[in-house]
Amino acid sequence: MKIGFIGLGNVGAKLAGSLLRNGFDLTVRDVDQNLTDQFKSSGAKVANSGKELAEQVDLIITSLPSLKVSAEVMEAEDGVLQGLSENKIWLEMSTTDEAEVKRIGEKVIAKNAIPLDGPVSGGCHRAATGNIAIFVGGERKAFEKILPVLTVMGRKVLHTGELGTASTLKVITNYLASVHLVALGEAWTVAKKSNLDLEKTFKGIAASSGNSFVHETESQVILNGSYNINFTMDLVLKDTGLFDDLAKKLNAPLEISPKVVEIFKDGQKKYGSRAWSSMIVKRMEDLNNIDFRAKGFPEELVDNEPEEKGYEI
């Protein structure tokens, strides 16, 4: 199977890297030539447009930063849609919403091709080693056809149902991660002002019912002071906004979600849209005139688990 990958950003480059590392026939496309040059030097082919890429491959994967960019890549005059034909598969791995992936999915189907949504979860460090989780919505037969590709990019792979269900699930999980991150800022504030040993506090939380994936990962770079989680404030605002908008569409009044959106908007205003998302806890550090530093924590996360072939859950 020939694979095309569009979007070589923080996550996309790592997913595409797993494919190249495992011997897949890979063609890439990105607006940043430096990124495509790196892949070309490692054996990948480079396409000059989405149309050209789609014409040359069986599976087209997009991993892009916003709904707007995804739409442009797909719908431009030289975009992916123009290169689609019968039985080609489009896998949207960007974080999007159900309505948008279905809207573009209808245009894919009109070309006799097959749309799937396949967002990932688990952090950039796990994407680098092929140990990230992948949710996939859409036709079961197409999912099974590309499962050998999915199990190279990810460890745990879940077929969530019809097209759009994976994107909805991803938005929910990203919302939960954002809530956990905001709560950590307050937890670390109380721990610091109580004069607790922060290294021991980290271990204690990790061993407790209050533990979370966000604590196990992001607390480490918070305690280091780098905040480098390879995910930025503007992307969290996109994700939390998608969740909040979805709740409004469903006429589901919420209490915490609007506050979380407000907090991240304030964080973006204070520290910038490209600040690491973990810096949201700095609001509490600044407010209380403290810091959450402790020795022995890494500047950047590295996945120490061995790379293993993934499987469907």
C-alpha atoms as a PDB file:
ATOM      1  CA  MET A   1       0.000   0.000   0.000  1.00  0.00           C
ATOM      2  CA  LYS A   2       1.304   3.416  -1.009  1.00  0.00           C
ATOM      3  CA  ILE A   3       0.760   6.102   1.615  1.00  0.00           C
ATOM      4  CA  GLY A   4       0.653   9.879   1.343  1.00  0.00           C
ATOM      5  CA  PHE A   5       1.053  12.051   4.434  1.00  0.00           C
ATOM      6  CA  ILE A   6       0.174  15.754   4.532  1.00  0.00           C
ATOM      7  CA  GLY A   7       1.184  17.818   7.576  1.00  0.00           C
ATOM      8  CA  LEU A   8       4.605  17.268   9.154  1.00  0.00           C
ATOM      9  CA  GLY A   9       4.119  19.291  12.352  1.00  0.00           C
ATOM     10  CA  ASN A  10       4.711  18.247  15.957  1.00  0.00           C
ATOM     11  CA  VAL A  11       2.520  15.142  15.721  1.00  0.00           C
ATOM     12  CA  GLY A  12       2.376  14.521  11.983  1.00  0.00           C
ATOM     13  CA  ALA A  13       6.147  14.279  11.539  1.00  0.00           C
ATOM     14  CA  LYS A  14       6.328  11.610  14.228  1.00  0.00           C
ATOM     15  CA  LEU A  15       3.460   9.564  12.783  1.00  0.00           C
ATOM     16  CA  ALA A  16       4.943   9.805   9.294  1.00  0.00           C
ATOM     17  CA  GLY A  17       8.340   8.933  10.742  1.00  0.00           C
ATOM     18  CA  SER A  18       6.951   5.683  12.131  1.00  0.00           C
ATOM     19  CA  LEU A  19       5.671   4.754   8.682  1.00  0.00           C
ATOM     20  CA  LEU A  20       9.011   5.507   7.040  1.00  0.00           C
ATOM     21  CA  ARG A  21      10.936   3.710   9.785  1.00  0.00           C
ATOM     22  CA  ASN A  22       8.833   0.595   9.220  1.00  0.00           C
ATOM     23  CA  GLY A  23       9.419   0.453   5.484  1.00  0.00           C
ATOM     24  CA  PHE A  24       6.198   1.855   4.021  1.00  0.00           C
ATOM     25  CA  ASP A  25       6.186   3.487   0.589  1.00  0.00           C
ATOM     26  CA  LEU A  26       5.677   7.087   1.711  1.00  0.00           C
ATOM     27  CA  THR A  27       5.030  10.359  -0.101  1.00  0.00           C
ATOM     28  CA  VAL A  28       4.860  13.556   1.983  1.00  0.00           C
ATOM     29  CA  ARG A  29       3.614  17.108   1.582  1.00  0.00           C
ATOM     30  CA  ASP A  30       4.065  20.177   3.809  1.00  0.00           C
ATOM     31  CA  VAL A  31       4.264  23.930   3.247  1.00  0.00           C
ATOM     32  CA  ASP A  32       7.643  23.927   5.044  1.00  0.00           C
ATOM     33  CA  GLN A  33      10.222  22.633   2.557  1.00  0.00           C
ATOM     34  CA  ASN A  34      12.755  22.075   5.338  1.00  0.00           C
ATOM     35  CA  LEU A  35      10.455  19.404   6.770  1.00  0.00           C
ATOM     36  CA  THR A  36       9.853  17.670   3.445  1.00  0.00           C
ATOM     37  CA  ASP A  37      13.595  17.793   2.698  1.00  0.00           C
ATOM     38  CA  GLN A  38      14.273  15.899   5.933  1.00  0.00           C
ATOM     39  CA  PHE A  39      11.883  13.152   4.899  1.00  0.00           C
ATOM     40  CA  LYS A  40      13.241  13.090   1.351  1.00  0.00           C
ATOM     41  CA  SER A  41      16.748  12.532   2.696  1.00  0.00           C
ATOM     42  CA  SER A  42      15.394   9.539   4.651  1.00  0.00           C
ATOM     43  CA  GLY A  43      13.818   7.925   1.593  1.00  0.00           C
ATOM     44  CA  ALA A  44      10.353   9.457   1.265  1.00  0.00           C
ATOM     45  CA  LYS A  45       9.016  10.941  -1.960  1.00  0.00           C
ATOM     46  CA  VAL A  46       7.748  14.538  -1.982  1.00  0.00           C
ATOM     47  CA  ALA A  47       4.595  15.763  -3.733  1.00  0.00           C
ATOM     48  CA  ASN A  48       4.140  19.345  -4.918  1.00  0.00           C
ATOM     49  CA  SER A  49       0.394  19.479  -4.209  1.00  0.00           C
ATOM     50  CA  GLY A  50      -2.373  17.608  -2.474  1.00  0.00           C
ATOM     51  CA  LYS A  51      -3.766  16.582  -5.882  1.00  0.00           C
ATOM     52  CA  GLU A  52      -0.442  15.154  -7.010  1.00  0.00           C
ATOM     53  CA  LEU A  53      -0.028  13.253  -3.754  1.00  0.00           C
ATOM     54  CA  ALA A  54      -3.543  11.783  -3.876  1.00  0.00           C
ATOM     55  CA  GLU A  55      -3.053  10.618  -7.447  1.00  0.00           C
ATOM     56  CA  GLN A  56       0.094   8.697  -6.513  1.00  0.00           C
ATOM     57  CA  VAL A  57      -1.039   6.817  -3.385  1.00  0.00           C
ATOM     58  CA  ASP A  58      -3.736   4.485  -2.022  1.00  0.00           C
ATOM     59  CA  LEU A  59      -4.108   6.047   1.435  1.00  0.00           C
ATOM     60  CA  ILE A  60      -4.040   9.808   2.023  1.00  0.00           C
ATOM     61  CA  ILE A  61      -3.416  10.887   5.631  1.00  0.00           C
ATOM     62  CA  THR A  62      -3.869  14.476   6.792  1.00  0.00           C
ATOM     63  CA  SER A  63      -2.571  15.764  10.148  1.00  0.00           C
ATOM     64  CA  LEU A  64      -3.136  19.517  10.246  1.00  0.00           C
ATOM     65  CA  PRO A  65      -3.430  22.284  12.876  1.00  0.00           C
ATOM     66  CA  SER A  66      -6.954  23.601  12.253  1.00  0.00           C
ATOM     67  CA  LEU A  67     -10.283  22.945  10.566  1.00  0.00           C
ATOM     68  CA  LYS A  68      -9.557  25.817   8.164  1.00  0.00           C
ATOM     69  CA  VAL A  69      -6.219  24.387   7.057  1.00  0.00           C
ATOM     70  CA  SER A  70      -7.705  20.902   6.628  1.00  0.00           C
ATOM     71  CA  ALA A  71     -10.484  22.306   4.447  1.00  0.00           C
ATOM     72  CA  GLU A  72      -7.996  24.241   2.312  1.00  0.00           C
ATOM     73  CA  VAL A  73      -5.761  21.200   1.820  1.00  0.00           C
ATOM     74  CA  MET A  74      -8.721  19.085   0.765  1.00  0.00           C
ATOM     75  CA  GLU A  75     -10.758  21.585  -1.257  1.00  0.00           C
ATOM     76  CA  ALA A  76      -8.170  23.767  -3.025  1.00  0.00           C
ATOM     77  CA  GLU A  77      -7.998  23.742  -6.835  1.00  0.00           C
ATOM     78  CA  ASP A  78      -4.924  21.512  -6.564  1.00  0.00           C
ATOM     79  CA  GLY A  79      -6.131  19.880  -3.345  1.00  0.00           C
ATOM     80  CA  VAL A  80      -6.568  16.271  -2.318  1.00  0.00           C
ATOM     81  CA  LEU A  81     -10.147  15.983  -3.568  1.00  0.00           C
ATOM     82  CA  GLN A  82      -8.981  16.677  -7.122  1.00  0.00           C
ATOM     83  CA  GLY A  83      -6.665  13.657  -6.996  1.00  0.00           C
ATOM     84  CA  LEU A  84      -9.066  11.134  -5.477  1.00  0.00           C
ATOM     85  CA  SER A  85     -10.520   8.202  -7.387  1.00  0.00           C
ATOM     86  CA  GLU A  86     -12.331   4.946  -6.698  1.00  0.00           C
ATOM     87  CA  ASN A  87     -11.352   3.013  -3.531  1.00  0.00           C
ATOM     88  CA  LYS A  88      -8.696   5.472  -2.369  1.00  0.00           C
ATOM     89  CA  ILE A  89      -8.952   6.138   1.375  1.00  0.00           C
ATOM     90  CA  TRP A  90      -8.695   9.492   3.129  1.00  0.00           C
ATOM     91  CA  LEU A  91      -7.753   9.294   6.825  1.00  0.00           C
ATOM     92  CA  GLU A  92      -8.221  12.600   8.673  1.00  0.00           C
ATOM     93  CA  MET A  93      -5.907  12.438  11.704  1.00  0.00           C
ATOM     94  CA  SER A  94      -6.290  16.123  12.588  1.00  0.00           C
ATOM     95  CA  THR A  95      -8.433  17.020  15.578  1.00  0.00           C
ATOM     96  CA  THR A  96     -11.672  18.186  13.994  1.00  0.00           C
ATOM     97  CA  ASP A  97     -15.382  18.031  14.707  1.00  0.00           C
ATOM     98  CA  GLU A  98     -17.962  15.547  13.528  1.00  0.00           C
ATOM     99  CA  ALA A  99     -19.839  17.968  11.283  1.00  0.00           C
ATOM    100  CA  GLU A 100     -16.712  19.101   9.423  1.00  0.00           C
ATOM    101  CA  VAL A 101     -15.296  15.625   8.817  1.00  0.00           C
ATOM    102  CA  LYS A 102     -18.717  14.507   7.548  1.00  0.00           C
ATOM    103  CA  ARG A 103     -18.977  17.568   5.290  1.00  0.00           C
ATOM    104  CA  ILE A 104     -15.666  16.837   3.607  1.00  0.00           C
ATOM    105  CA  GLY A 105     -16.391  13.112   3.812  1.00  0.00           C
ATOM    106  CA  GLU A 106     -19.401  13.577   1.522  1.00  0.00           C
ATOM    107  CA  LYS A 107     -17.119  15.136  -1.084  1.00  0.00           C
ATOM    108  CA  VAL A 108     -14.704  12.225  -0.734  1.00  0.00           C
ATOM    109  CA  ILE A 109     -17.551   9.745  -1.243  1.00  0.00           C
ATOM    110  CA  ALA A 110     -18.637  11.684  -4.344  1.00  0.00           C
ATOM    111  CA  LYS A 111     -15.225  10.762  -5.800  1.00  0.00           C
ATOM    112  CA  ASN A 112     -15.974   7.065  -5.032  1.00  0.00           C
ATOM    113  CA  ALA A 113     -13.274   7.188  -2.351  1.00  0.00           C
ATOM    114  CA  ILE A 114     -13.663   6.339   1.348  1.00  0.00           C
ATOM    115  CA  PRO A 115     -13.399   8.799   4.276  1.00  0.00           C
ATOM    116  CA  LEU A 116     -12.220   7.865   7.762  1.00  0.00           C
ATOM    117  CA  ASP A 117     -11.452  10.061  10.770  1.00  0.00           C
ATOM    118  CA  GLY A 118      -8.517   8.894  12.883  1.00  0.00           C
ATOM    119  CA  PRO A 119      -7.371  11.336  15.588  1.00  0.00           C
ATOM    120  CA  VAL A 120      -4.628  10.338  18.025  1.00  0.00           C
ATOM    121  CA  SER A 121      -4.246  10.645  21.781  1.00  0.00           C
ATOM    122  CA  GLY A 122      -1.337  10.206  24.167  1.00  0.00           C
ATOM    123  CA  GLY A 123       1.218  12.946  23.538  1.00  0.00           C
ATOM    124  CA  CYS A 124       3.937  13.710  21.014  1.00  0.00           C
ATOM    125  CA  HIS A 125       6.493  11.589  22.855  1.00  0.00           C
ATOM    126  CA  ARG A 126       4.363   8.490  22.243  1.00  0.00           C
ATOM    127  CA  ALA A 127       3.702   9.434  18.632  1.00  0.00           C
ATOM    128  CA  ALA A 128       7.471   9.340  18.099  1.00  0.00           C
ATOM    129  CA  THR A 129       7.686   5.670  19.100  1.00  0.00           C
ATOM    130  CA  GLY A 130       4.463   4.420  17.557  1.00  0.00           C
ATOM    131  CA  ASN A 131       2.917   3.935  21.003  1.00  0.00           C
ATOM    132  CA  ILE A 132       0.137   6.506  20.750  1.00  0.00           C
ATOM    133  CA  ALA A 133      -3.589   5.631  20.772  1.00  0.00           C
ATOM    134  CA  ILE A 134      -5.660   6.033  17.592  1.00  0.00           C
ATOM    135  CA  PHE A 135      -9.449   6.340  17.326  1.00  0.00           C
ATOM    136  CA  VAL A 136     -10.964   5.594  13.907  1.00  0.00           C
ATOM    137  CA  GLY A 137     -14.488   6.277  12.671  1.00  0.00           C
ATOM    138  CA  GLY A 138     -15.952   5.158   9.363  1.00  0.00           C
ATOM    139  CA  GLU A 139     -16.527   2.106   7.227  1.00  0.00           C
ATOM    140  CA  ARG A 140     -15.371  -1.032   9.050  1.00  0.00           C
ATOM    141  CA  LYS A 141     -14.052  -2.676   5.874  1.00  0.00           C
ATOM    142  CA  ALA A 142     -11.812   0.316   5.127  1.00  0.00           C
ATOM    143  CA  PHE A 143     -10.628   0.361   8.748  1.00  0.00           C
ATOM    144  CA  GLU A 144      -9.580  -3.283   8.478  1.00  0.00           C
ATOM    145  CA  LYS A 145      -7.809  -2.591   5.181  1.00  0.00           C
ATOM    146  CA  ILE A 146      -5.560   0.073   6.732  1.00  0.00           C
ATOM    147  CA  LEU A 147      -5.188  -1.608  10.147  1.00  0.00           C
ATOM    148  CA  PRO A 148      -1.593  -2.725   9.328  1.00  0.00           C
ATOM    149  CA  VAL A 149      -0.769   0.966   8.826  1.00  0.00           C
ATOM    150  CA  LEU A 150      -2.569   2.065  11.992  1.00  0.00           C
ATOM    151  CA  THR A 151      -0.776  -0.542  14.126  1.00  0.00           C
ATOM    152  CA  VAL A 152       2.585   0.891  13.060  1.00  0.00           C
ATOM    153  CA  MET A 153       1.629   4.461  13.955  1.00  0.00           C
ATOM    154  CA  GLY A 154      -0.163   3.524  17.189  1.00  0.00           C
ATOM    155  CA  ARG A 155      -0.204   0.974  20.008  1.00  0.00           C
ATOM    156  CA  LYS A 156      -3.912   0.850  20.876  1.00  0.00           C
ATOM    157  CA  VAL A 157      -6.329   1.270  17.965  1.00  0.00           C
ATOM    158  CA  LEU A 158     -10.084   1.632  18.477  1.00  0.00           C
ATOM    159  CA  HIS A 159     -12.784   1.522  15.808  1.00  0.00           C
ATOM    160  CA  THR A 160     -15.373   3.900  17.278  1.00  0.00           C
ATOM    161  CA  GLY A 161     -18.233   3.450  14.807  1.00  0.00           C
ATOM    162  CA  GLU A 162     -19.438   5.572  11.905  1.00  0.00           C
ATOM    163  CA  LEU A 163     -17.567   8.512  10.399  1.00  0.00           C
ATOM    164  CA  GLY A 164     -17.293  11.369  12.888  1.00  0.00           C
ATOM    165  CA  THR A 165     -17.513   9.310  16.081  1.00  0.00           C
ATOM    166  CA  ALA A 166     -13.727   9.231  16.467  1.00  0.00           C
ATOM    167  CA  SER A 167     -13.533  13.021  16.241  1.00  0.00           C
ATOM    168  CA  THR A 168     -16.239  13.424  18.871  1.00  0.00           C
ATOM    169  CA  LEU A 169     -14.477  11.001  21.218  1.00  0.00           C
ATOM    170  CA  LYS A 170     -11.164  12.789  20.667  1.00  0.00           C
ATOM    171  CA  VAL A 171     -12.697  16.174  21.520  1.00  0.00           C
ATOM    172  CA  ILE A 172     -14.075  14.677  24.760  1.00  0.00           C
ATOM    173  CA  THR A 173     -10.712  13.195  25.774  1.00  0.00           C
ATOM    174  CA  ASN A 174      -8.875  16.449  24.984  1.00  0.00           C
ATOM    175  CA  TYR A 175     -11.372  18.352  27.119  1.00  0.00           C
ATOM    176  CA  LEU A 176     -10.721  16.007  30.043  1.00  0.00           C
ATOM    177  CA  ALA A 177      -6.964  16.452  29.649  1.00  0.00           C
ATOM    178  CA  SER A 178      -7.385  20.242  29.686  1.00  0.00           C
ATOM    179  CA  VAL A 179      -9.475  20.090  32.876  1.00  0.00           C
ATOM    180  CA  HIS A 180      -6.852  17.899  34.527  1.00  0.00           C
ATOM    181  CA  LEU A 181      -4.111  20.351  33.549  1.00  0.00           C
ATOM    182  CA  VAL A 182      -5.949  23.350  35.011  1.00  0.00           C
ATOM    183  CA  ALA A 183      -6.641  21.373  38.203  1.00  0.00           C
ATOM    184  CA  LEU A 184      -2.950  20.483  38.476  1.00  0.00           C
ATOM    185  CA  GLY A 185      -2.085  24.177  38.623  1.00  0.00           C
ATOM    186  CA  GLU A 186      -4.239  24.541  41.728  1.00  0.00           C
ATOM    187  CA  ALA A 187      -3.022  21.248  43.240  1.00  0.00           C
ATOM    188  CA  TRP A 188       0.627  22.260  42.870  1.00  0.00           C
ATOM    189  CA  THR A 189      -0.175  25.675  44.356  1.00  0.00           C
ATOM    190  CA  VAL A 190      -1.609  24.150  47.530  1.00  0.00           C
ATOM    191  CA  ALA A 191       1.239  21.622  47.735  1.00  0.00           C
ATOM    192  CA  LYS A 192       3.878  24.350  47.405  1.00  0.00           C
ATOM    193  CA  LYS A 193       2.252  26.686  49.924  1.00  0.00           C
ATOM    194  CA  SER A 194       1.910  23.745  52.337  1.00  0.00           C
ATOM    195  CA  ASN A 195       5.690  23.304  52.112  1.00  0.00           C
ATOM    196  CA  LEU A 196       5.394  19.753  50.798  1.00  0.00           C
ATOM    197  CA  ASP A 197       8.361  18.113  49.101  1.00  0.00           C
ATOM    198  CA  LEU A 198       7.293  18.434  45.453  1.00  0.00           C
ATOM    199  CA  GLU A 199       9.210  15.359  44.293  1.00  0.00           C
ATOM    200  CA  LYS A 200       7.438  13.245  46.909  1.00  0.00           C
ATOM    201  CA  THR A 201       4.147  14.947  46.085  1.00  0.00           C
ATOM    202  CA  PHE A 202       4.585  13.929  42.447  1.00  0.00           C
ATOM    203  CA  LYS A 203       5.066  10.305  43.503  1.00  0.00           C
ATOM    204  CA  GLY A 204       2.155  10.485  45.916  1.00  0.00           C
ATOM    205  CA  ILE A 205      -0.290  11.816  43.344  1.00  0.00           C
ATOM    206  CA  ALA A 206       0.919   9.210  40.823  1.00  0.00           C
ATOM    207  CA  ALA A 207       0.172   6.437  43.327  1.00  0.00           C
ATOM    208  CA  SER A 208      -3.230   7.807  44.322  1.00  0.00           C
ATOM    209  CA  SER A 209      -6.830   7.934  43.130  1.00  0.00           C
ATOM    210  CA  GLY A 210      -6.092  11.525  42.061  1.00  0.00           C
ATOM    211  CA  ASN A 211      -3.622  10.380  39.426  1.00  0.00           C
ATOM    212  CA  SER A 212      -4.064  11.064  35.713  1.00  0.00           C
ATOM    213  CA  PHE A 213      -2.126  10.644  32.483  1.00  0.00           C
ATOM    214  CA  VAL A 214      -1.745  14.430  32.437  1.00  0.00           C
ATOM    215  CA  HIS A 215      -0.111  14.371  35.882  1.00  0.00           C
ATOM    216  CA  GLU A 216       2.249  11.539  34.941  1.00  0.00           C
ATOM    217  CA  THR A 217       3.422  13.420  31.861  1.00  0.00           C
ATOM    218  CA  GLU A 218       2.898  17.178  32.094  1.00  0.00           C
ATOM    219  CA  SER A 219       3.719  17.524  35.787  1.00  0.00           C
ATOM    220  CA  GLN A 220       7.241  16.369  34.951  1.00  0.00           C
ATOM    221  CA  VAL A 221       7.972  19.265  32.576  1.00  0.00           C
ATOM    222  CA  ILE A 222       6.150  21.664  34.906  1.00  0.00           C
ATOM    223  CA  LEU A 223       8.398  20.662  37.800  1.00  0.00           C
ATOM    224  CA  ASN A 224      11.428  20.965  35.515  1.00  0.00           C
ATOM    225  CA  GLY A 225      10.353  24.474  34.509  1.00  0.00           C
ATOM    226  CA  SER A 226      10.583  23.927  30.736  1.00  0.00           C
ATOM    227  CA  TYR A 227       6.808  23.334  30.355  1.00  0.00           C
ATOM    228  CA  ASN A 228       7.816  21.667  27.069  1.00  0.00           C
ATOM    229  CA  ILE A 229       4.988  19.275  26.251  1.00  0.00           C
ATOM    230  CA  ASN A 230       5.238  19.870  22.472  1.00  0.00           C
ATOM    231  CA  PHE A 231       1.660  21.164  22.426  1.00  0.00           C
ATOM    232  CA  THR A 232       0.738  24.822  22.342  1.00  0.00           C
ATOM    233  CA  MET A 233      -1.844  27.103  23.941  1.00  0.00           C
ATOM    234  CA  ASP A 234      -3.664  27.860  20.691  1.00  0.00           C
ATOM    235  CA  LEU A 235      -4.195  24.153  20.021  1.00  0.00           C
ATOM    236  CA  VAL A 236      -5.730  23.633  23.455  1.00  0.00           C
ATOM    237  CA  LEU A 237      -8.054  26.572  22.802  1.00  0.00           C
ATOM    238  CA  LYS A 238      -9.063  24.966  19.521  1.00  0.00           C
ATOM    239  CA  ASP A 239      -9.803  21.667  21.278  1.00  0.00           C
ATOM    240  CA  THR A 240     -11.652  23.118  24.264  1.00  0.00           C
ATOM    241  CA  GLY A 241     -13.588  25.361  21.891  1.00  0.00           C
ATOM    242  CA  LEU A 242     -14.656  22.336  19.832  1.00  0.00           C
ATOM    243  CA  PHE A 243     -15.923  20.618  22.976  1.00  0.00           C
ATOM    244  CA  ASP A 244     -17.770  23.696  24.217  1.00  0.00           C
ATOM    245  CA  ASP A 245     -19.318  24.283  20.776  1.00  0.00           C
ATOM    246  CA  LEU A 246     -20.412  20.642  20.598  1.00  0.00           C
ATOM    247  CA  ALA A 247     -22.154  20.928  23.963  1.00  0.00           C
ATOM    248  CA  LYS A 248     -23.984  24.022  22.749  1.00  0.00           C
ATOM    249  CA  LYS A 249     -25.093  22.242  19.567  1.00  0.00           C
ATOM    250  CA  LEU A 250     -26.417  19.390  21.726  1.00  0.00           C
ATOM    251  CA  ASN A 251     -28.219  21.876  23.980  1.00  0.00           C
ATOM    252  CA  ALA A 252     -26.255  20.482  26.928  1.00  0.00           C
ATOM    253  CA  PRO A 253     -25.614  23.210  29.540  1.00  0.00           C
ATOM    254  CA  LEU A 254     -22.202  22.745  31.171  1.00  0.00           C
ATOM    255  CA  GLU A 255     -20.505  24.299  34.185  1.00  0.00           C
ATOM    256  CA  ILE A 256     -16.782  23.547  34.003  1.00  0.00           C
ATOM    257  CA  SER A 257     -16.218  23.750  30.237  1.00  0.00           C
ATOM    258  CA  PRO A 258     -16.917  27.494  29.812  1.00  0.00           C
ATOM    259  CA  LYS A 259     -14.567  28.252  32.722  1.00  0.00           C
ATOM    260  CA  VAL A 260     -11.788  26.123  31.220  1.00  0.00           C
ATOM    261  CA  VAL A 261     -12.134  27.982  27.899  1.00  0.00           C
ATOM    262  CA  GLU A 262     -11.942  31.280  29.804  1.00  0.00           C
ATOM    263  CA  ILE A 263      -8.812  30.155  31.681  1.00  0.00           C
ATOM    264  CA  PHE A 264      -6.982  29.123  28.500  1.00  0.00           C
ATOM    265  CA  LYS A 265      -7.960  32.352  26.751  1.00  0.00           C
ATOM    266  CA  ASP A 266      -6.373  34.210  29.668  1.00  0.00           C
ATOM    267  CA  GLY A 267      -3.290  31.981  29.440  1.00  0.00           C
ATOM    268  CA  GLN A 268      -2.939  32.698  25.737  1.00  0.00           C
ATOM    269  CA  LYS A 269      -3.280  36.430  26.394  1.00  0.00           C
ATOM    270  CA  LYS A 270      -0.595  36.307  29.105  1.00  0.00           C
ATOM    271  CA  TYR A 271       1.956  33.959  27.525  1.00  0.00           C
ATOM    272  CA  GLY A 272       1.180  33.870  23.804  1.00  0.00           C
ATOM    273  CA  SER A 273      -0.602  31.513  21.455  1.00  0.00           C
ATOM    274  CA  ARG A 274       2.540  29.454  20.800  1.00  0.00           C
ATOM    275  CA  ALA A 275       3.445  29.045  24.469  1.00  0.00           C
ATOM    276  CA  TRP A 276       3.493  25.457  25.670  1.00  0.00           C
ATOM    277  CA  SER A 277       0.055  24.467  26.936  1.00  0.00           C
ATOM    278  CA  SER A 278       1.524  23.312  30.263  1.00  0.00           C
ATOM    279  CA  MET A 279       2.303  26.976  30.956  1.00  0.00           C
ATOM    280  CA  ILE A 280      -1.351  27.408  31.930  1.00  0.00           C
ATOM    281  CA  VAL A 281      -0.259  26.479  35.472  1.00  0.00           C
ATOM    282  CA  LYS A 282       2.013  29.550  35.449  1.00  0.00           C
ATOM    283  CA  ARG A 283      -1.130  31.623  36.025  1.00  0.00           C
ATOM    284  CA  MET A 284      -1.194  30.118  39.526  1.00  0.00           C
ATOM    285  CA  GLU A 285       2.565  30.534  39.982  1.00  0.00           C
ATOM    286  CA  ASP A 286       2.328  34.221  39.061  1.00  0.00           C
ATOM    287  CA  LEU A 287      -0.836  34.820  41.093  1.00  0.00           C
ATOM    288  CA  ASN A 288       0.734  33.300  44.213  1.00  0.00           C
ATOM    289  CA  ASN A 289       4.296  34.519  43.573  1.00  0.00           C
ATOM    290  CA  ILE A 290       5.692  30.966  43.731  1.00  0.00           C
ATOM    291  CA  ASP A 291       7.158  28.376  41.384  1.00  0.00           C
ATOM    292  CA  PHE A 292       6.697  24.630  41.094  1.00  0.00           C
ATOM    293  CA  ARG A 293      10.324  23.602  40.632  1.00  0.00           C
ATOM    294  CA  ALA A 294      11.835  20.321  41.770  1.00  0.00           C
ATOM    295  CA  LYS A 295      15.048  18.503  40.877  1.00  0.00           C
ATOM    296  CA  GLY A 296      15.273  15.353  38.832  1.00  0.00           C
ATOM    297  CA  PHE A 297      12.562  15.978  36.252  1.00  0.00           C
ATOM    298  CA  PRO A 298      13.171  16.038  32.470  1.00  0.00           C
ATOM    299  CA  GLU A 299      13.144  19.097  30.246  1.00  0.00           C
ATOM    300  CA  GLU A 300      11.240  17.139  27.594  1.00  0.00           C
ATOM    301  CA  LEU A 301       9.366  13.849  27.715  1.00  0.00           C
ATOM    302  CA  VAL A 302      10.815  10.746  26.112  1.00  0.00           C
ATOM    303  CA  ASP A 303       8.806   7.551  25.680  1.00  0.00           C
ATOM    304  CA  ASN A 304      10.882   4.818  27.321  1.00  0.00           C
ATOM    305  CA  GLU A 305       8.502   2.026  26.351  1.00  0.00           C
ATOM    306  CA  PRO A 306       9.818  -0.189  23.544  1.00  0.00           C
ATOM    307  CA  GLU A 307       8.204   0.242  20.151  1.00  0.00           C
ATOM    308  CA  GLU A 308       5.759  -2.615  19.652  1.00  0.00           C
ATOM    309  CA  LYS A 309       3.263  -3.540  16.968  1.00  0.00           C
ATOM    310  CA  GLY A 310      -0.131  -2.113  17.824  1.00  0.00           C
ATOM    311  CA  TYR A 311      -3.430  -3.907  18.136  1.00  0.00           C
ATOM    312  CA  GLU A 312      -7.160  -3.241  18.018  1.00  0.00           C
ATOM    313  CA  ILE A 313      -8.879  -2.745  21.357  1.00  0.00           C
END
